[in-house]
C-alpha atoms as a PDB file:
ATOM      1  CA  UNK A   1     120.968  -3.513 -45.650  1.00  0.00           C
ATOM      2  CA  UNK A   2     122.148  -0.505 -47.369  1.00  0.00           C
ATOM      3  CA  UNK A   3     125.733  -1.066 -46.146  1.00  0.00           C
ATOM      4  CA  UNK A   4     125.632  -4.787 -47.118  1.00  0.00           C
ATOM      5  CA  UNK A   5     124.437  -3.727 -50.629  1.00  0.00           C
ATOM      6  CA  UNK A   6     127.355  -1.332 -50.952  1.00  0.00           C
ATOM      7  CA  UNK A   7     129.919  -3.984 -49.984  1.00  0.00           C
ATOM      8  CA  UNK A   8     128.230  -6.367 -52.147  1.00  0.00           C
ATOM      9  CA  UNK A   9     128.490  -4.175 -55.212  1.00  0.00           C
ATOM     10  CA  UNK A  10     132.213  -3.434 -54.359  1.00  0.00           C
ATOM     11  CA  UNK A  11     132.842  -7.157 -54.177  1.00  0.00           C
ATOM     12  CA  UNK A  12     131.320  -7.642 -57.619  1.00  0.00           C
ATOM     13  CA  UNK A  13     133.380  -4.818 -59.033  1.00  0.00           C
ATOM     14  CA  UNK A  14     136.472  -6.382 -57.487  1.00  0.00           C
ATOM     15  CA  UNK A  15     135.660  -9.799 -58.981  1.00  0.00           C
ATOM     16  CA  UNK A  16     135.015  -8.152 -62.387  1.00  0.00           C
ATOM     17  CA  UNK A  17     138.450  -6.447 -62.268  1.00  0.00           C
ATOM     18  CA  UNK A  18     140.150  -9.722 -61.484  1.00  0.00           C
ATOM     19  CA  UNK A  19     138.418 -11.360 -64.268  1.00  0.00           C
ATOM     20  CA  UNK A  20     139.525  -8.680 -66.692  1.00  0.00           C
ATOM     21  CA  UNK A  21     143.084  -9.018 -65.609  1.00  0.00           C
ATOM     22  CA  UNK A  22     142.957 -12.680 -66.094  1.00  0.00           C
ATOM     23  CA  UNK A  23     141.553 -12.378 -69.675  1.00  0.00           C
ATOM     24  CA  UNK A  24     144.356  -9.946 -70.472  1.00  0.00           C
ATOM     25  CA  UNK A  25     147.079 -12.313 -69.277  1.00  0.00           C
ATOM     26  CA  UNK A  26     145.608 -15.120 -71.354  1.00  0.00           C
ATOM     27  CA  UNK A  27     145.215 -13.093 -74.487  1.00  0.00           C
ATOM     28  CA  UNK A  28     148.453 -11.142 -74.139  1.00  0.00           C
ATOM     29  CA  UNK A  29     151.114 -12.401 -76.754  1.00  0.00           C
ATOM     30  CA  UNK A  30     153.962 -14.326 -75.437  1.00  0.00           C
ATOM     31  CA  UNK A  31     157.073 -12.031 -75.111  1.00  0.00           C
ATOM     32  CA  UNK A  32     159.091 -14.345 -77.323  1.00  0.00           C
ATOM     33  CA  UNK A  33     156.569 -13.752 -80.248  1.00  0.00           C
ATOM     34  CA  UNK A  34     157.524 -10.009 -80.528  1.00  0.00           C
ATOM     35  CA  UNK A  35     160.815  -8.338 -81.346  1.00  0.00           C
ATOM     36  CA  UNK A  36     162.795  -7.330 -78.307  1.00  0.00           C
ATOM     37  CA  UNK A  37     165.505  -4.504 -78.182  1.00  0.00           C
ATOM     38  CA  UNK A  38     168.176  -5.154 -75.422  1.00  0.00           C
ATOM     39  CA  UNK A  39     171.450  -3.108 -75.227  1.00  0.00           C
ATOM     40  CA  UNK A  40     171.474  -2.314 -78.932  1.00  0.00           C
ATOM     41  CA  UNK A  41     170.633  -5.871 -79.989  1.00  0.00           C
ATOM     42  CA  UNK A  42     167.414  -6.702 -81.788  1.00  0.00           C
ATOM     43  CA  UNK A  43     166.273 -10.159 -80.934  1.00  0.00           C
ATOM     44  CA  UNK A  44     163.752 -11.819 -83.104  1.00  0.00           C
ATOM     45  CA  UNK A  45     161.094 -14.271 -81.828  1.00  0.00           C
ATOM     46  CA  UNK A  46     162.642 -17.593 -80.528  1.00  0.00           C
ATOM     47  CA  UNK A  47     166.362 -16.269 -80.769  1.00  0.00           C
ATOM     48  CA  UNK A  48     168.545 -18.152 -78.379  1.00  0.00           C
ATOM     49  CA  UNK A  49     172.289 -17.022 -79.048  1.00  0.00           C
ATOM     50  CA  UNK A  50     174.791 -16.729 -81.873  1.00  0.00           C
ATOM     51  CA  UNK A  51     178.315 -16.990 -82.958  1.00  0.00           C
ATOM     52  CA  UNK A  52     179.806 -14.506 -82.721  1.00  0.00           C
ATOM     53  CA  UNK A  53     177.909 -13.206 -79.675  1.00  0.00           C
ATOM     54  CA  UNK A  54     176.560  -9.623 -79.632  1.00  0.00           C
ATOM     55  CA  UNK A  55     179.399  -7.144 -79.112  1.00  0.00           C
ATOM     56  CA  UNK A  56     182.081  -9.802 -79.140  1.00  0.00           C
ATOM     57  CA  UNK A  57     185.577  -8.932 -80.328  1.00  0.00           C
ATOM     58  CA  UNK A  58     187.440 -11.496 -82.611  1.00  0.00           C
ATOM     59  CA  UNK A  59     191.122 -11.444 -83.242  1.00  0.00           C
ATOM     60  CA  UNK A  60     190.545 -12.897 -86.697  1.00  0.00           C
ATOM     61  CA  UNK A  61     187.327 -13.238 -88.851  1.00  0.00           C
ATOM     62  CA  UNK A  62     184.924 -15.978 -87.950  1.00  0.00           C
ATOM     63  CA  UNK A  63     184.452 -18.593 -90.731  1.00  0.00           C
ATOM     64  CA  UNK A  64     180.724 -18.131 -90.554  1.00  0.00           C
ATOM     65  CA  UNK A  65     177.851 -16.655 -88.661  1.00  0.00           C
ATOM     66  CA  UNK A  66     175.693 -19.106 -86.853  1.00  0.00           C
ATOM     67  CA  UNK A  67     172.363 -18.071 -85.105  1.00  0.00           C
ATOM     68  CA  UNK A  68     170.469 -20.444 -82.817  1.00  0.00           C
ATOM     69  CA  UNK A  69     166.759 -20.622 -82.186  1.00  0.00           C
ATOM     70  CA  UNK A  70     164.356 -22.652 -80.036  1.00  0.00           C
ATOM     71  CA  UNK A  71     161.846 -23.128 -82.909  1.00  0.00           C
ATOM     72  CA  UNK A  72     161.896 -25.048 -86.357  1.00  0.00           C
ATOM     73  CA  UNK A  73     163.191 -22.710 -89.126  1.00  0.00           C
ATOM     74  CA  UNK A  74     162.083 -22.829 -92.759  1.00  0.00           C
ATOM     75  CA  UNK A  75     163.580 -21.883 -96.133  1.00  0.00           C
ATOM     76  CA  UNK A  76     163.508 -18.235 -97.028  1.00  0.00           C
ATOM     77  CA  UNK A  77     165.480 -16.975 -93.947  1.00  0.00           C
ATOM     78  CA  UNK A  78     168.214 -14.369 -94.756  1.00  0.00           C
ATOM     79  CA  UNK A  79     171.538 -13.194 -93.217  1.00  0.00           C
ATOM     80  CA  UNK A  80     173.706 -10.187 -94.213  1.00  0.00           C
ATOM     81  CA  UNK A  81     177.034  -9.247 -92.523  1.00  0.00           C
ATOM     82  CA  UNK A  82     178.107  -5.587 -93.311  1.00  0.00           C
ATOM     83  CA  UNK A  83     180.920  -3.354 -92.170  1.00  0.00           C
ATOM     84  CA  UNK A  84     180.702   0.430 -91.727  1.00  0.00           C
ATOM     85  CA  UNK A  85     181.102   1.069 -95.321  1.00  0.00           C
ATOM     86  CA  UNK A  86     178.122  -1.133 -96.252  1.00  0.00           C
ATOM     87  CA  UNK A  87     180.043  -3.981 -97.823  1.00  0.00           C
ATOM     88  CA  UNK A  88     178.390  -7.341 -97.360  1.00  0.00           C
ATOM     89  CA  UNK A  89     180.938 -10.060 -96.475  1.00  0.00           C
ATOM     90  CA  UNK A  90     178.243 -12.960 -96.335  1.00  0.00           C
ATOM     91  CA  UNK A  91     178.471 -15.564 -99.053  1.00  0.00           C
ATOM     92  CA  UNK A  92     176.297 -18.171-100.687  1.00  0.00           C
ATOM     93  CA  UNK A  93     172.887 -19.501 -99.273  1.00  0.00           C
ATOM     94  CA  UNK A  94     171.689 -19.436 -95.786  1.00  0.00           C
ATOM     95  CA  UNK A  95     171.998 -23.069 -94.394  1.00  0.00           C
ATOM     96  CA  UNK A  96     169.470 -24.377 -91.940  1.00  0.00           C
ATOM     97  CA  UNK A  97     171.164 -26.952 -89.752  1.00  0.00           C
ATOM     98  CA  UNK A  98     170.981 -28.554 -86.224  1.00  0.00           C
ATOM     99  CA  UNK A  99     167.477 -30.192 -86.705  1.00  0.00           C
ATOM    100  CA  UNK A 100     166.195 -27.079 -88.326  1.00  0.00           C
ATOM    101  CA  UNK A 101     166.983 -24.834 -85.305  1.00  0.00           C
ATOM    102  CA  UNK A 102     170.183 -22.913 -86.508  1.00  0.00           C
ATOM    103  CA  UNK A 103     170.814 -20.626 -89.430  1.00  0.00           C
ATOM    104  CA  UNK A 104     174.297 -20.408 -90.830  1.00  0.00           C
ATOM    105  CA  UNK A 105     175.973 -18.097 -93.463  1.00  0.00           C
ATOM    106  CA  UNK A 106     179.542 -18.575 -94.627  1.00  0.00           C
ATOM    107  CA  UNK A 107     181.718 -15.408 -94.625  1.00  0.00           C
ATOM    108  CA  UNK A 108     183.976 -14.146 -97.439  1.00  0.00           C
ATOM    109  CA  UNK A 109     187.745 -14.114 -96.603  1.00  0.00           C
ATOM    110  CA  UNK A 110     189.612 -10.811 -96.259  1.00  0.00           C
ATOM    111  CA  UNK A 111     187.470  -9.027 -93.664  1.00  0.00           C
ATOM    112  CA  UNK A 112     189.291  -5.964 -92.454  1.00  0.00           C
ATOM    113  CA  UNK A 113     189.272  -4.759 -88.915  1.00  0.00           C
ATOM    114  CA  UNK A 114     186.207  -2.843 -87.714  1.00  0.00           C
ATOM    115  CA  UNK A 115     182.661  -3.104 -86.635  1.00  0.00           C
ATOM    116  CA  UNK A 116     180.233  -5.486 -88.318  1.00  0.00           C
ATOM    117  CA  UNK A 117     176.468  -5.550 -88.226  1.00  0.00           C
ATOM    118  CA  UNK A 118     174.590  -8.835 -88.718  1.00  0.00           C
ATOM    119  CA  UNK A 119     170.971  -8.434 -89.841  1.00  0.00           C
ATOM    120  CA  UNK A 120     168.852 -11.617 -90.209  1.00  0.00           C
ATOM    121  CA  UNK A 121     165.261 -12.614 -90.939  1.00  0.00           C
ATOM    122  CA  UNK A 122     164.247 -15.891 -89.497  1.00  0.00           C
ATOM    123  CA  UNK A 123     161.287 -17.625 -91.132  1.00  0.00           C
ATOM    124  CA  UNK A 124     158.937 -20.259 -89.714  1.00  0.00           C
ATOM    125  CA  UNK A 125     156.838 -22.828 -91.451  1.00  0.00           C
ATOM    126  CA  UNK A 126     153.707 -20.611 -91.120  1.00  0.00           C
ATOM    127  CA  UNK A 127     155.570 -18.383 -93.590  1.00  0.00           C
ATOM    128  CA  UNK A 128     156.100 -15.640 -90.980  1.00  0.00           C
ATOM    129  CA  UNK A 129     159.490 -14.134 -90.734  1.00  0.00           C
ATOM    130  CA  UNK A 130     161.029 -12.150 -87.815  1.00  0.00           C
ATOM    131  CA  UNK A 131     163.917  -9.755 -88.020  1.00  0.00           C
ATOM    132  CA  UNK A 132     166.929  -9.397 -85.704  1.00  0.00           C
ATOM    133  CA  UNK A 133     170.262  -7.654 -85.462  1.00  0.00           C
ATOM    134  CA  UNK A 134     173.520  -7.803 -83.474  1.00  0.00           C
ATOM    135  CA  UNK A 135     177.093  -6.714 -83.872  1.00  0.00           C
ATOM    136  CA  UNK A 136     180.617  -7.809 -83.470  1.00  0.00           C
ATOM    137  CA  UNK A 137     184.181  -6.405 -84.017  1.00  0.00           C
ATOM    138  CA  UNK A 138     187.334  -7.573 -85.534  1.00  0.00           C
ATOM    139  CA  UNK A 139     190.721  -6.424 -84.094  1.00  0.00           C
ATOM    140  CA  UNK A 140     193.821  -8.286 -85.491  1.00  0.00           C
ATOM    141  CA  UNK A 141     196.004  -6.637 -82.872  1.00  0.00           C
ATOM    142  CA  UNK A 142     194.655  -9.146 -80.419  1.00  0.00           C
ATOM    143  CA  UNK A 143     196.621 -11.908 -82.169  1.00  0.00           C
ATOM    144  CA  UNK A 144     199.643 -10.687 -80.189  1.00  0.00           C
ATOM    145  CA  UNK A 145     198.176 -12.790 -77.325  1.00  0.00           C
ATOM    146  CA  UNK A 146     198.004 -15.924 -79.253  1.00  0.00           C
ATOM    147  CA  UNK A 147     201.042 -18.375 -79.193  1.00  0.00           C
ATOM    148  CA  UNK A 148     202.434 -18.774 -82.709  1.00  0.00           C
ATOM    149  CA  UNK A 149     202.413 -22.544 -83.673  1.00  0.00           C
ATOM    150  CA  UNK A 150     202.241 -22.156 -87.295  1.00  0.00           C
ATOM    151  CA  UNK A 151     204.347 -24.350 -89.640  1.00  0.00           C
ATOM    152  CA  UNK A 152     203.364 -27.530 -87.711  1.00  0.00           C
ATOM    153  CA  UNK A 153     201.335 -30.267 -89.437  1.00  0.00           C
ATOM    154  CA  UNK A 154     200.230 -31.720 -85.957  1.00  0.00           C
ATOM    155  CA  UNK A 155     199.787 -30.269 -82.541  1.00  0.00           C
ATOM    156  CA  UNK A 156     198.987 -31.963 -79.199  1.00  0.00           C
ATOM    157  CA  UNK A 157     196.868 -29.971 -76.676  1.00  0.00           C
ATOM    158  CA  UNK A 158     196.655 -31.431 -73.112  1.00  0.00           C
ATOM    159  CA  UNK A 159     193.638 -30.865 -70.997  1.00  0.00           C
ATOM    160  CA  UNK A 160     194.834 -30.795 -67.467  1.00  0.00           C
ATOM    161  CA  UNK A 161     193.754 -29.196 -64.128  1.00  0.00           C
ATOM    162  CA  UNK A 162     190.435 -28.265 -65.808  1.00  0.00           C
ATOM    163  CA  UNK A 163     192.172 -26.046 -68.387  1.00  0.00           C
ATOM    164  CA  UNK A 164     193.463 -26.234 -71.919  1.00  0.00           C
ATOM    165  CA  UNK A 165     197.366 -26.340 -71.931  1.00  0.00           C
ATOM    166  CA  UNK A 166     197.470 -23.332 -74.412  1.00  0.00           C
ATOM    167  CA  UNK A 167     194.573 -20.949 -74.150  1.00  0.00           C
ATOM    168  CA  UNK A 168     195.197 -19.170 -77.447  1.00  0.00           C
ATOM    169  CA  UNK A 169     197.159 -20.551 -80.369  1.00  0.00           C
ATOM    170  CA  UNK A 170     197.824 -19.613 -84.151  1.00  0.00           C
ATOM    171  CA  UNK A 171     198.082 -22.578 -86.431  1.00  0.00           C
ATOM    172  CA  UNK A 172     198.513 -23.080 -90.234  1.00  0.00           C
ATOM    173  CA  UNK A 173     195.828 -24.366 -92.602  1.00  0.00           C
ATOM    174  CA  UNK A 174     195.775 -28.171 -92.630  1.00  0.00           C
ATOM    175  CA  UNK A 175     196.920 -28.486 -89.179  1.00  0.00           C
ATOM    176  CA  UNK A 176     195.635 -31.505 -87.095  1.00  0.00           C
ATOM    177  CA  UNK A 177     194.980 -30.705 -83.392  1.00  0.00           C
ATOM    178  CA  UNK A 178     194.687 -33.540 -80.966  1.00  0.00           C
ATOM    179  CA  UNK A 179     193.265 -33.006 -77.576  1.00  0.00           C
ATOM    180  CA  UNK A 180     194.434 -35.297 -74.691  1.00  0.00           C
ATOM    181  CA  UNK A 181     192.568 -35.545 -71.351  1.00  0.00           C
ATOM    182  CA  UNK A 182     195.228 -35.760 -68.700  1.00  0.00           C
ATOM    183  CA  UNK A 183     192.702 -35.235 -65.845  1.00  0.00           C
ATOM    184  CA  UNK A 184     190.647 -37.643 -63.771  1.00  0.00           C
ATOM    185  CA  UNK A 185     187.571 -35.421 -64.575  1.00  0.00           C
ATOM    186  CA  UNK A 186     185.649 -36.032 -67.860  1.00  0.00           C
ATOM    187  CA  UNK A 187     186.213 -33.226 -70.424  1.00  0.00           C
ATOM    188  CA  UNK A 188     184.893 -32.359 -73.931  1.00  0.00           C
ATOM    189  CA  UNK A 189     186.102 -30.325 -76.847  1.00  0.00           C
ATOM    190  CA  UNK A 190     183.052 -28.253 -78.056  1.00  0.00           C
ATOM    191  CA  UNK A 191     182.720 -25.584 -80.668  1.00  0.00           C
ATOM    192  CA  UNK A 192     180.777 -22.347 -79.725  1.00  0.00           C
ATOM    193  CA  UNK A 193     178.184 -21.543 -78.566  1.00  0.00           C
ATOM    194  CA  UNK A 194     177.303 -23.427 -75.348  1.00  0.00           C
ATOM    195  CA  UNK A 195     175.209 -25.589 -75.220  1.00  0.00           C
ATOM    196  CA  UNK A 196     174.210 -25.676 -78.945  1.00  0.00           C
ATOM    197  CA  UNK A 197     177.740 -26.201 -80.290  1.00  0.00           C
ATOM    198  CA  UNK A 198     176.776 -25.284 -83.933  1.00  0.00           C
ATOM    199  CA  UNK A 199     179.545 -23.072 -85.229  1.00  0.00           C
ATOM    200  CA  UNK A 200     182.009 -25.881 -86.272  1.00  0.00           C
ATOM    201  CA  UNK A 201     180.445 -29.298 -85.453  1.00  0.00           C
ATOM    202  CA  UNK A 202     183.610 -31.207 -86.588  1.00  0.00           C
ATOM    203  CA  UNK A 203     185.156 -29.732 -83.296  1.00  0.00           C
ATOM    204  CA  UNK A 204     182.620 -31.475 -81.142  1.00  0.00           C
ATOM    205  CA  UNK A 205     183.983 -34.521 -79.292  1.00  0.00           C
ATOM    206  CA  UNK A 206     182.320 -37.286 -77.276  1.00  0.00           C
ATOM    207  CA  UNK A 207     183.047 -37.224 -73.599  1.00  0.00           C
ATOM    208  CA  UNK A 208     186.777 -37.800 -72.904  1.00  0.00           C
ATOM    209  CA  UNK A 209     187.929 -39.784 -69.989  1.00  0.00           C
ATOM    210  CA  UNK A 210     191.602 -39.607 -68.645  1.00  0.00           C
ATOM    211  CA  UNK A 211     193.856 -40.776 -71.513  1.00  0.00           C
ATOM    212  CA  UNK A 212     191.193 -40.273 -74.314  1.00  0.00           C
ATOM    213  CA  UNK A 213     192.050 -38.237 -77.242  1.00  0.00           C
ATOM    214  CA  UNK A 214     190.025 -36.288 -79.918  1.00  0.00           C
ATOM    215  CA  UNK A 215     191.368 -34.743 -83.168  1.00  0.00           C
ATOM    216  CA  UNK A 216     190.276 -32.154 -85.695  1.00  0.00           C
ATOM    217  CA  UNK A 217     192.049 -30.932 -88.836  1.00  0.00           C
ATOM    218  CA  UNK A 218     191.527 -27.219 -89.530  1.00  0.00           C
ATOM    219  CA  UNK A 219     191.642 -26.081 -93.180  1.00  0.00           C
ATOM    220  CA  UNK A 220     189.607 -22.811 -93.365  1.00  0.00           C
ATOM    221  CA  UNK A 221     191.309 -19.604 -92.135  1.00  0.00           C
ATOM    222  CA  UNK A 222     189.557 -17.864 -89.284  1.00  0.00           C
ATOM    223  CA  UNK A 223     189.009 -18.005 -85.631  1.00  0.00           C
ATOM    224  CA  UNK A 224     187.571 -20.948 -83.735  1.00  0.00           C
ATOM    225  CA  UNK A 225     186.598 -20.408 -80.175  1.00  0.00           C
ATOM    226  CA  UNK A 226     185.867 -23.573 -78.166  1.00  0.00           C
ATOM    227  CA  UNK A 227     185.227 -24.906 -74.630  1.00  0.00           C
ATOM    228  CA  UNK A 228     184.727 -27.943 -72.433  1.00  0.00           C
ATOM    229  CA  UNK A 229     180.894 -28.323 -72.002  1.00  0.00           C
ATOM    230  CA  UNK A 230     181.453 -29.946 -68.600  1.00  0.00           C
ATOM    231  CA  UNK A 231     183.238 -26.636 -67.380  1.00  0.00           C
ATOM    232  CA  UNK A 232     181.915 -24.157 -69.951  1.00  0.00           C
ATOM    233  CA  UNK A 233     182.256 -21.003 -67.905  1.00  0.00           C
ATOM    234  CA  UNK A 234     185.921 -21.461 -67.043  1.00  0.00           C
ATOM    235  CA  UNK A 235     187.675 -24.033 -69.494  1.00  0.00           C
ATOM    236  CA  UNK A 236     187.730 -22.012 -72.726  1.00  0.00           C
ATOM    237  CA  UNK A 237     190.210 -21.518 -75.534  1.00  0.00           C
ATOM    238  CA  UNK A 238     190.563 -20.179 -78.960  1.00  0.00           C
ATOM    239  CA  UNK A 239     192.672 -20.967 -82.126  1.00  0.00           C
ATOM    240  CA  UNK A 240     193.210 -18.971 -85.256  1.00  0.00           C
ATOM    241  CA  UNK A 241     194.009 -20.727 -88.548  1.00  0.00           C
ATOM    242  CA  UNK A 242     196.258 -18.138 -90.318  1.00  0.00           C
ATOM    243  CA  UNK A 243     197.896 -18.280 -93.739  1.00  0.00           C
ATOM    244  CA  UNK A 244     200.679 -15.982 -92.986  1.00  0.00           C
END
């Protein structure tokens, strides 16, 4: 009986330990509700992705910074975009877009080469705000890899063999670009990032069957990365609107 009592007590202690673990798991805050630091990037609660992406290198400045979340945003959110000298190149109000799940801040023209730090505060309707941070770099020398098509008012871009005919192009402000699907497969023209497509929504097409076209006119100088969302990992391209 003494041995039975001993094992009975051990069993009770084991059950108590399991109960305490279960309570801890239930009461433990969700990982997404706290700030996380990964590879130098600080991700706020509910962060999904951004344009530019963390550590991405651009050949020309982006026209804006767009940050996507999986939670409804409220007014009061903030974004700054500073270089190594501390100059802030963000401009105007923070816009809340894409059914209140994306923050956007327009950037001032004339950003020089170098590293940029994006700091943001994303606010929810419960009036709580969560801070985050990431970086990107500008390197204009990369424009040497872009085909110069400036001076044209209209450009046709074929989509064939699951690729854009020209991967990287330079165009002038006001140029109309028309994409034509030459493949039997369905393609799309979608702005970054995938699958949110929030950076420059005017560049988002419907599905394009063989022979279908889609056009966008680009007026604001800057870099526009895009892709086919049906082949997002391989069918990518970029265009730069350049004044000179």
